[in-house]
Amino acid sequence: MRIPMSRRHILTAATTFAGAVASLMLVEPGRADDGSAAASNSQLKKQDVAYQDQPKGEQRCGTCKNFLAPSGCRVVSGSINANGWCLLFKPKAA
C-alpha cells in the first residue's frame, strides 16, 4: 500500500535536508591541537574573498562590521589593513 505524501510533508523534508547539508558545509575538519589553530581554520583565506590592501570606492575594511581593530577580521584570516577591501564587505550600522 502506498502512502500519499502532501506538499507540506515534501517541503518540510526538503527544508530539513537543506538545513542539514548547510550545517555540514559549515563544519571544517581541522586540527584541534589548540584554540588558535581551530579558530584560524574557520576563517576564509584572503585570496578566496578577493582581499586587496586598497579600498574600493567608499568601501574599506575599517568601516566593515566584520573588522576587528587594529588589524583583524571576523571572517578573513591574517592581518587586515583598515584601508583594505574584500568581497564580504558589509557596512557597519549607522
PDB file of N, CA and C in Angstrom:
ATOM      1  N   MET A   1       0.829  -1.169   0.000  1.00  0.00           N
ATOM      2  CA  MET A   1       0.000   0.000   0.000  1.00  0.00           C
ATOM      3  C   MET A   1       0.884   1.247   0.000  1.00  0.00           C
ATOM      4  N   ARG A   2       0.575   2.202  -0.824  1.00  0.00           N
ATOM      5  CA  ARG A   2       1.360   3.418  -0.959  1.00  0.00           C
ATOM      6  C   ARG A   2       0.712   4.532  -0.143  1.00  0.00           C
ATOM      7  N   ILE A   3       1.528   5.240   0.629  1.00  0.00           N
ATOM      8  CA  ILE A   3       1.031   6.337   1.455  1.00  0.00           C
ATOM      9  C   ILE A   3       1.210   7.631   0.669  1.00  0.00           C
ATOM     10  N   PRO A   4       0.140   8.362   0.424  1.00  0.00           N
ATOM     11  CA  PRO A   4       0.275   9.620  -0.319  1.00  0.00           C
ATOM     12  C   PRO A   4       1.018  10.657   0.523  1.00  0.00           C
ATOM     13  N   MET A   5       1.867  11.448  -0.136  1.00  0.00           N
ATOM     14  CA  MET A   5       2.631  12.484   0.546  1.00  0.00           C
ATOM     15  C   MET A   5       2.072  13.848   0.160  1.00  0.00           C
ATOM     16  N   SER A   6       1.845  14.668   1.150  1.00  0.00           N
ATOM     17  CA  SER A   6       1.325  16.004   0.888  1.00  0.00           C
ATOM     18  C   SER A   6       2.469  16.954   0.520  1.00  0.00           C
ATOM     19  N   ARG A   7       2.130  18.066  -0.080  1.00  0.00           N
ATOM     20  CA  ARG A   7       3.140  19.071  -0.404  1.00  0.00           C
ATOM     21  C   ARG A   7       3.813  19.578   0.866  1.00  0.00           C
ATOM     22  N   ARG A   8       3.055  19.714   1.927  1.00  0.00           N
ATOM     23  CA  ARG A   8       3.619  20.187   3.194  1.00  0.00           C
ATOM     24  C   ARG A   8       4.686  19.213   3.702  1.00  0.00           C
ATOM     25  N   HIS A   9       4.419  17.922   3.607  1.00  0.00           N
ATOM     26  CA  HIS A   9       5.384  16.914   4.042  1.00  0.00           C
ATOM     27  C   HIS A   9       6.654  16.984   3.189  1.00  0.00           C
ATOM     28  N   ILE A  10       6.494  17.118   1.876  1.00  0.00           N
ATOM     29  CA  ILE A  10       7.649  17.192   0.978  1.00  0.00           C
ATOM     30  C   ILE A  10       8.467  18.444   1.253  1.00  0.00           C
ATOM     31  N   LEU A  11       7.820  19.598   1.435  1.00  0.00           N
ATOM     32  CA  LEU A  11       8.537  20.841   1.718  1.00  0.00           C
ATOM     33  C   LEU A  11       9.253  20.782   3.065  1.00  0.00           C
ATOM     34  N   THR A  12       8.623  20.199   4.060  1.00  0.00           N
ATOM     35  CA  THR A  12       9.262  20.056   5.373  1.00  0.00           C
ATOM     36  C   THR A  12      10.499  19.183   5.278  1.00  0.00           C
ATOM     37  N   ALA A  13      10.387  18.059   4.579  1.00  0.00           N
ATOM     38  CA  ALA A  13      11.530  17.156   4.421  1.00  0.00           C
ATOM     39  C   ALA A  13      12.649  17.834   3.630  1.00  0.00           C
ATOM     40  N   ALA A  14      12.310  18.568   2.581  1.00  0.00           N
ATOM     41  CA  ALA A  14      13.324  19.247   1.764  1.00  0.00           C
ATOM     42  C   ALA A  14      14.030  20.333   2.562  1.00  0.00           C
ATOM     43  N   THR A  15      13.282  21.079   3.359  1.00  0.00           N
ATOM     44  CA  THR A  15      13.871  22.131   4.186  1.00  0.00           C
ATOM     45  C   THR A  15      14.802  21.542   5.237  1.00  0.00           C
ATOM     46  N   THR A  16      14.394  20.472   5.859  1.00  0.00           N
ATOM     47  CA  THR A  16      15.226  19.803   6.860  1.00  0.00           C
ATOM     48  C   THR A  16      16.510  19.288   6.227  1.00  0.00           C
ATOM     49  N   PHE A  17      16.396  18.675   5.067  1.00  0.00           N
ATOM     50  CA  PHE A  17      17.564  18.157   4.362  1.00  0.00           C
ATOM     51  C   PHE A  17      18.519  19.288   3.986  1.00  0.00           C
ATOM     52  N   ALA A  18      17.988  20.395   3.443  1.00  0.00           N
ATOM     53  CA  ALA A  18      18.827  21.526   3.050  1.00  0.00           C
ATOM     54  C   ALA A  18      19.546  22.126   4.257  1.00  0.00           C
ATOM     55  N   GLY A  19      18.858  22.210   5.384  1.00  0.00           N
ATOM     56  CA  GLY A  19      19.489  22.720   6.597  1.00  0.00           C
ATOM     57  C   GLY A  19      20.607  21.822   7.087  1.00  0.00           C
ATOM     58  N   ALA A  20      20.400  20.526   7.005  1.00  0.00           N
ATOM     59  CA  ALA A  20      21.441  19.581   7.422  1.00  0.00           C
ATOM     60  C   ALA A  20      22.658  19.684   6.515  1.00  0.00           C
ATOM     61  N   VAL A  21      22.437  19.791   5.220  1.00  0.00           N
ATOM     62  CA  VAL A  21      23.559  19.919   4.279  1.00  0.00           C
ATOM     63  C   VAL A  21      24.313  21.222   4.528  1.00  0.00           C
ATOM     64  N   ALA A  22      23.584  22.317   4.735  1.00  0.00           N
ATOM     65  CA  ALA A  22      24.230  23.607   5.003  1.00  0.00           C
ATOM     66  C   ALA A  22      25.054  23.553   6.287  1.00  0.00           C
ATOM     67  N   SER A  23      24.544  22.888   7.309  1.00  0.00           N
ATOM     68  CA  SER A  23      25.281  22.754   8.569  1.00  0.00           C
ATOM     69  C   SER A  23      26.562  21.960   8.377  1.00  0.00           C
ATOM     70  N   LEU A  24      26.494  20.915   7.596  1.00  0.00           N
ATOM     71  CA  LEU A  24      27.685  20.111   7.337  1.00  0.00           C
ATOM     72  C   LEU A  24      28.726  20.889   6.551  1.00  0.00           C
ATOM     73  N   MET A  25      28.287  21.761   5.671  1.00  0.00           N
ATOM     74  CA  MET A  25      29.227  22.550   4.880  1.00  0.00           C
ATOM     75  C   MET A  25      29.960  23.573   5.733  1.00  0.00           C
ATOM     76  N   LEU A  26      29.356  24.012   6.838  1.00  0.00           N
ATOM     77  CA  LEU A  26      29.990  24.988   7.710  1.00  0.00           C
ATOM     78  C   LEU A  26      31.056  24.373   8.599  1.00  0.00           C
ATOM     79  N   VAL A  27      30.967  23.081   8.846  1.00  0.00           N
ATOM     80  CA  VAL A  27      31.912  22.393   9.712  1.00  0.00           C
ATOM     81  C   VAL A  27      33.113  21.968   8.884  1.00  0.00           C
ATOM     82  N   GLU A  28      34.280  22.441   9.291  1.00  0.00           N
ATOM     83  CA  GLU A  28      35.503  22.082   8.588  1.00  0.00           C
ATOM     84  C   GLU A  28      36.326  21.147   9.458  1.00  0.00           C
ATOM     85  N   PRO A  29      36.783  20.049   8.892  1.00  0.00           N
ATOM     86  CA  PRO A  29      37.689  19.212   9.665  1.00  0.00           C
ATOM     87  C   PRO A  29      39.014  19.938   9.832  1.00  0.00           C
ATOM     88  N   GLY A  30      39.602  19.835  10.970  1.00  0.00           N
ATOM     89  CA  GLY A  30      40.867  20.526  11.189  1.00  0.00           C
ATOM     90  C   GLY A  30      41.539  20.016  12.443  1.00  0.00           C
ATOM     91  N   ARG A  31      42.753  20.509  12.640  1.00  0.00           N
ATOM     92  CA  ARG A  31      43.481  20.136  13.839  1.00  0.00           C
ATOM     93  C   ARG A  31      42.883  20.877  15.025  1.00  0.00           C
ATOM     94  N   ALA A  32      42.776  20.192  16.126  1.00  0.00           N
ATOM     95  CA  ALA A  32      42.255  20.816  17.342  1.00  0.00           C
ATOM     96  C   ALA A  32      43.315  20.776  18.428  1.00  0.00           C
ATOM     97  N   ASP A  33      44.596  21.002  18.025  1.00  0.00           N
ATOM     98  CA  ASP A  33      45.671  20.923  19.000  1.00  0.00           C
ATOM     99  C   ASP A  33      45.671  22.108  19.950  1.00  0.00           C
ATOM    100  N   ASP A  34      45.158  23.267  19.525  1.00  0.00           N
ATOM    101  CA  ASP A  34      44.968  24.383  20.430  1.00  0.00           C
ATOM    102  C   ASP A  34      43.848  25.268  19.889  1.00  0.00           C
ATOM    103  N   GLY A  35      43.376  26.175  20.701  1.00  0.00           N
ATOM    104  CA  GLY A  35      42.255  27.011  20.299  1.00  0.00           C
ATOM    105  C   GLY A  35      42.547  27.905  19.121  1.00  0.00           C
ATOM    106  N   SER A  36      43.787  28.422  19.012  1.00  0.00           N
ATOM    107  CA  SER A  36      44.090  29.342  17.926  1.00  0.00           C
ATOM    108  C   SER A  36      44.100  28.642  16.577  1.00  0.00           C
ATOM    109  N   ALA A  37      44.554  27.404  16.522  1.00  0.00           N
ATOM    110  CA  ALA A  37      44.553  26.663  15.257  1.00  0.00           C
ATOM    111  C   ALA A  37      43.136  26.389  14.805  1.00  0.00           C
ATOM    112  N   ALA A  38      42.264  26.048  15.742  1.00  0.00           N
ATOM    113  CA  ALA A  38      40.873  25.779  15.386  1.00  0.00           C
ATOM    114  C   ALA A  38      40.188  27.050  14.902  1.00  0.00           C
ATOM    115  N   ALA A  39      40.513  28.185  15.518  1.00  0.00           N
ATOM    116  CA  ALA A  39      39.891  29.447  15.103  1.00  0.00           C
ATOM    117  C   ALA A  39      40.337  29.848  13.710  1.00  0.00           C
ATOM    118  N   SER A  40      41.621  29.696  13.396  1.00  0.00           N
ATOM    119  CA  SER A  40      42.103  30.095  12.077  1.00  0.00           C
ATOM    120  C   SER A  40      41.556  29.184  10.990  1.00  0.00           C
ATOM    121  N   ASN A  41      41.243  27.927  11.312  1.00  0.00           N
ATOM    122  CA  ASN A  41      40.670  27.017  10.320  1.00  0.00           C
ATOM    123  C   ASN A  41      39.268  27.424   9.928  1.00  0.00           C
ATOM    124  N   SER A  42      38.574  28.155  10.772  1.00  0.00           N
ATOM    125  CA  SER A  42      37.203  28.532  10.463  1.00  0.00           C
ATOM    126  C   SER A  42      37.119  29.818   9.656  1.00  0.00           C
ATOM    127  N   GLN A  43      38.241  30.494   9.449  1.00  0.00           N
ATOM    128  CA  GLN A  43      38.243  31.736   8.683  1.00  0.00           C
ATOM    129  C   GLN A  43      38.627  31.471   7.230  1.00  0.00           C
ATOM    130  N   LEU A  44      38.216  32.374   6.361  1.00  0.00           N
ATOM    131  CA  LEU A  44      38.499  32.265   4.936  1.00  0.00           C
ATOM    132  C   LEU A  44      39.860  32.859   4.612  1.00  0.00           C
ATOM    133  N   LYS A  45      40.462  32.383   3.547  1.00  0.00           N
ATOM    134  CA  LYS A  45      41.749  32.921   3.098  1.00  0.00           C
ATOM    135  C   LYS A  45      41.510  34.201   2.312  1.00  0.00           C
ATOM    136  N   LYS A  46      42.496  35.095   2.334  1.00  0.00           N
ATOM    137  CA  LYS A  46      42.380  36.375   1.641  1.00  0.00           C
ATOM    138  C   LYS A  46      42.095  36.194   0.158  1.00  0.00           C
ATOM    139  N   GLN A  47      42.781  35.270  -0.488  1.00  0.00           N
ATOM    140  CA  GLN A  47      42.588  35.078  -1.931  1.00  0.00           C
ATOM    141  C   GLN A  47      41.189  34.566  -2.260  1.00  0.00           C
ATOM    142  N   ASP A  48      40.543  33.879  -1.318  1.00  0.00           N
ATOM    143  CA  ASP A  48      39.194  33.359  -1.553  1.00  0.00           C
ATOM    144  C   ASP A  48      38.130  34.456  -1.556  1.00  0.00           C
ATOM    145  N   VAL A  49      38.435  35.593  -0.962  1.00  0.00           N
ATOM    146  CA  VAL A  49      37.470  36.688  -0.887  1.00  0.00           C
ATOM    147  C   VAL A  49      37.939  37.921  -1.653  1.00  0.00           C
ATOM    148  N   ALA A  50      38.943  37.753  -2.514  1.00  0.00           N
ATOM    149  CA  ALA A  50      39.490  38.836  -3.352  1.00  0.00           C
ATOM    150  C   ALA A  50      39.943  40.026  -2.510  1.00  0.00           C
ATOM    151  N   TYR A  51      40.603  39.741  -1.383  1.00  0.00           N
ATOM    152  CA  TYR A  51      41.095  40.814  -0.500  1.00  0.00           C
ATOM    153  C   TYR A  51      42.145  41.646  -1.219  1.00  0.00           C
ATOM    154  N   GLN A  52      42.080  42.958  -0.998  1.00  0.00           N
ATOM    155  CA  GLN A  52      43.094  43.870  -1.524  1.00  0.00           C
ATOM    156  C   GLN A  52      43.414  44.894  -0.451  1.00  0.00           C
ATOM    157  N   ASP A  53      44.629  45.444  -0.472  1.00  0.00           N
ATOM    158  CA  ASP A  53      45.047  46.413   0.544  1.00  0.00           C
ATOM    159  C   ASP A  53      44.513  47.817   0.301  1.00  0.00           C
ATOM    160  N   GLN A  54      43.834  48.030  -0.804  1.00  0.00           N
ATOM    161  CA  GLN A  54      43.273  49.337  -1.120  1.00  0.00           C
ATOM    162  C   GLN A  54      41.752  49.278  -0.998  1.00  0.00           C
ATOM    163  N   PRO A  55      41.126  50.430  -0.674  1.00  0.00           N
ATOM    164  CA  PRO A  55      39.659  50.451  -0.605  1.00  0.00           C
ATOM    165  C   PRO A  55      39.037  50.336  -1.992  1.00  0.00           C
ATOM    166  N   LYS A  56      37.767  50.026  -2.030  1.00  0.00           N
ATOM    167  CA  LYS A  56      37.019  50.011  -3.288  1.00  0.00           C
ATOM    168  C   LYS A  56      35.983  51.122  -3.181  1.00  0.00           C
ATOM    169  N   GLY A  57      36.307  52.264  -3.732  1.00  0.00           N
ATOM    170  CA  GLY A  57      35.445  53.432  -3.580  1.00  0.00           C
ATOM    171  C   GLY A  57      35.375  53.838  -2.123  1.00  0.00           C
ATOM    172  N   GLU A  58      34.170  53.958  -1.617  1.00  0.00           N
ATOM    173  CA  GLU A  58      33.958  54.319  -0.212  1.00  0.00           C
ATOM    174  C   GLU A  58      34.031  53.106   0.716  1.00  0.00           C
ATOM    175  N   GLN A  59      34.076  51.910   0.145  1.00  0.00           N
ATOM    176  CA  GLN A  59      34.095  50.690   0.956  1.00  0.00           C
ATOM    177  C   GLN A  59      35.522  50.368   1.381  1.00  0.00           C
ATOM    178  N   ARG A  60      35.707  50.185   2.681  1.00  0.00           N
ATOM    179  CA  ARG A  60      37.014  49.794   3.207  1.00  0.00           C
ATOM    180  C   ARG A  60      36.818  49.013   4.494  1.00  0.00           C
ATOM    181  N   CYS A  61      37.777  48.188   4.821  1.00  0.00           N
ATOM    182  CA  CYS A  61      37.663  47.296   5.979  1.00  0.00           C
ATOM    183  C   CYS A  61      37.367  48.039   7.281  1.00  0.00           C
ATOM    184  N   GLY A  62      37.947  49.204   7.471  1.00  0.00           N
ATOM    185  CA  GLY A  62      37.736  49.969   8.694  1.00  0.00           C
ATOM    186  C   GLY A  62      36.290  50.335   8.941  1.00  0.00           C
ATOM    187  N   THR A  63      35.466  50.348   7.894  1.00  0.00           N
ATOM    188  CA  THR A  63      34.046  50.672   8.044  1.00  0.00           C
ATOM    189  C   THR A  63      33.156  49.442   7.894  1.00  0.00           C
ATOM    190  N   CYS A  64      33.754  48.258   7.901  1.00  0.00           N
ATOM    191  CA  CYS A  64      33.022  46.997   7.750  1.00  0.00           C
ATOM    192  C   CYS A  64      32.647  46.444   9.129  1.00  0.00           C
ATOM    193  N   LYS A  65      31.477  45.831   9.216  1.00  0.00           N
ATOM    194  CA  LYS A  65      31.039  45.289  10.510  1.00  0.00           C
ATOM    195  C   LYS A  65      31.873  44.083  10.950  1.00  0.00           C
ATOM    196  N   ASN A  66      32.624  43.460  10.041  1.00  0.00           N
ATOM    197  CA  ASN A  66      33.453  42.309  10.393  1.00  0.00           C
ATOM    198  C   ASN A  66      34.862  42.686  10.842  1.00  0.00           C
ATOM    199  N   PHE A  67      35.240  43.949  10.693  1.00  0.00           N
ATOM    200  CA  PHE A  67      36.591  44.398  11.030  1.00  0.00           C
ATOM    201  C   PHE A  67      36.799  44.425  12.534  1.00  0.00           C
ATOM    202  N   LEU A  68      37.948  43.904  12.970  1.00  0.00           N
ATOM    203  CA  LEU A  68      38.341  43.908  14.378  1.00  0.00           C
ATOM    204  C   LEU A  68      39.613  44.733  14.505  1.00  0.00           C
ATOM    205  N   ALA A  69      39.494  45.938  15.062  1.00  0.00           N
ATOM    206  CA  ALA A  69      40.646  46.828  15.197  1.00  0.00           C
ATOM    207  C   ALA A  69      41.704  46.180  16.079  1.00  0.00           C
ATOM    208  N   PRO A  70      42.968  46.359  15.830  1.00  0.00           N
ATOM    209  CA  PRO A  70      43.538  47.247  14.821  1.00  0.00           C
ATOM    210  C   PRO A  70      43.747  46.591  13.449  1.00  0.00           C
ATOM    211  N   SER A  71      43.829  45.249  13.378  1.00  0.00           N
ATOM    212  CA  SER A  71      44.149  44.637  12.079  1.00  0.00           C
ATOM    213  C   SER A  71      43.595  43.225  11.929  1.00  0.00           C
ATOM    214  N   GLY A  72      42.373  43.011  12.395  1.00  0.00           N
ATOM    215  CA  GLY A  72      41.784  41.677  12.315  1.00  0.00           C
ATOM    216  C   GLY A  72      40.427  41.686  11.637  1.00  0.00           C
ATOM    217  N   CYS A  73      39.894  40.491  11.421  1.00  0.00           N
ATOM    218  CA  CYS A  73      38.593  40.339  10.785  1.00  0.00           C
ATOM    219  C   CYS A  73      37.915  39.096  11.350  1.00  0.00           C
ATOM    220  N   ARG A  74      36.607  39.155  11.478  1.00  0.00           N
ATOM    221  CA  ARG A  74      35.851  38.011  11.981  1.00  0.00           C
ATOM    222  C   ARG A  74      35.815  36.864  10.979  1.00  0.00           C
ATOM    223  N   VAL A  75      35.910  37.140   9.683  1.00  0.00           N
ATOM    224  CA  VAL A  75      35.724  36.098   8.681  1.00  0.00           C
ATOM    225  C   VAL A  75      36.935  35.822   7.803  1.00  0.00           C
ATOM    226  N   VAL A  76      37.912  36.739   7.754  1.00  0.00           N
ATOM    227  CA  VAL A  76      39.097  36.559   6.904  1.00  0.00           C
ATOM    228  C   VAL A  76      40.319  36.406   7.795  1.00  0.00           C
ATOM    229  N   SER A  77      41.162  35.429   7.487  1.00  0.00           N
ATOM    230  CA  SER A  77      42.346  35.173   8.308  1.00  0.00           C
ATOM    231  C   SER A  77      43.486  36.122   7.944  1.00  0.00           C
ATOM    232  N   GLY A  78      44.402  36.273   8.864  1.00  0.00           N
ATOM    233  CA  GLY A  78      45.593  37.083   8.637  1.00  0.00           C
ATOM    234  C   GLY A  78      45.415  38.522   9.050  1.00  0.00           C
ATOM    235  N   SER A  79      46.473  39.295   8.813  1.00  0.00           N
ATOM    236  CA  SER A  79      46.466  40.710   9.143  1.00  0.00           C
ATOM    237  C   SER A  79      45.675  41.473   8.083  1.00  0.00           C
ATOM    238  N   ILE A  80      44.766  42.327   8.536  1.00  0.00           N
ATOM    239  CA  ILE A  80      43.875  43.065   7.644  1.00  0.00           C
ATOM    240  C   ILE A  80      44.167  44.556   7.756  1.00  0.00           C
ATOM    241  N   ASN A  81      44.340  45.202   6.622  1.00  0.00           N
ATOM    242  CA  ASN A  81      44.571  46.640   6.561  1.00  0.00           C
ATOM    243  C   ASN A  81      43.227  47.351   6.693  1.00  0.00           C
ATOM    244  N   ALA A  82      43.142  48.357   7.562  1.00  0.00           N
ATOM    245  CA  ALA A  82      41.890  49.095   7.750  1.00  0.00           C
ATOM    246  C   ALA A  82      41.438  49.774   6.461  1.00  0.00           C
ATOM    247  N   ASN A  83      42.371  50.040   5.547  1.00  0.00           N
ATOM    248  CA  ASN A  83      42.026  50.652   4.263  1.00  0.00           C
ATOM    249  C   ASN A  83      41.848  49.615   3.165  1.00  0.00           C
ATOM    250  N   GLY A  84      41.865  48.333   3.509  1.00  0.00           N
ATOM    251  CA  GLY A  84      41.687  47.271   2.534  1.00  0.00           C
ATOM    252  C   GLY A  84      40.222  47.052   2.191  1.00  0.00           C
ATOM    253  N   TRP A  85      39.964  46.017   1.395  1.00  0.00           N
ATOM    254  CA  TRP A  85      38.599  45.697   0.967  1.00  0.00           C
ATOM    255  C   TRP A  85      38.537  44.235   0.536  1.00  0.00           C
ATOM    256  N   CYS A  86      37.358  43.598   0.666  1.00  0.00           N
ATOM    257  CA  CYS A  86      37.135  42.256   0.129  1.00  0.00           C
ATOM    258  C   CYS A  86      35.672  42.105  -0.268  1.00  0.00           C
ATOM    259  N   LEU A  87      35.359  40.987  -0.900  1.00  0.00           N
ATOM    260  CA  LEU A  87      34.000  40.715  -1.378  1.00  0.00           C
ATOM    261  C   LEU A  87      32.965  40.621  -0.260  1.00  0.00           C
ATOM    262  N   LEU A  88      33.412  40.382   0.971  1.00  0.00           N
ATOM    263  CA  LEU A  88      32.485  40.203   2.090  1.00  0.00           C
ATOM    264  C   LEU A  88      32.183  41.496   2.830  1.00  0.00           C
ATOM    265  N   PHE A  89      32.545  42.631   2.235  1.00  0.00           N
ATOM    266  CA  PHE A  89      32.315  43.933   2.888  1.00  0.00           C
ATOM    267  C   PHE A  89      30.835  44.112   3.227  1.00  0.00           C
ATOM    268  N   LYS A  90      30.581  44.492   4.485  1.00  0.00           N
ATOM    269  CA  LYS A  90      29.232  44.828   4.944  1.00  0.00           C
ATOM    270  C   LYS A  90      29.373  46.061   5.815  1.00  0.00           C
ATOM    271  N   PRO A  91      28.738  47.158   5.445  1.00  0.00           N
ATOM    272  CA  PRO A  91      28.904  48.399   6.211  1.00  0.00           C
ATOM    273  C   PRO A  91      28.362  48.257   7.638  1.00  0.00           C
ATOM    274  N   LYS A  92      29.040  48.956   8.556  1.00  0.00           N
ATOM    275  CA  LYS A  92      28.560  48.988   9.943  1.00  0.00           C
ATOM    276  C   LYS A  92      27.234  49.730   9.988  1.00  0.00           C
ATOM    277  N   ALA A  93      26.391  49.320  10.917  1.00  0.00           N
ATOM    278  CA  ALA A  93      25.108  50.009  11.092  1.00  0.00           C
ATOM    279  C   ALA A  93      25.377  51.421  11.593  1.00  0.00           C
ATOM    280  N   ALA A  94      24.639  52.361  11.081  1.00  0.00           N
ATOM    281  CA  ALA A  94      24.837  53.771  11.442  1.00  0.00           C
ATOM    282  C   ALA A  94      24.318  54.099  12.796  1.00  0.00           C
TER     283      ALA A  94
END
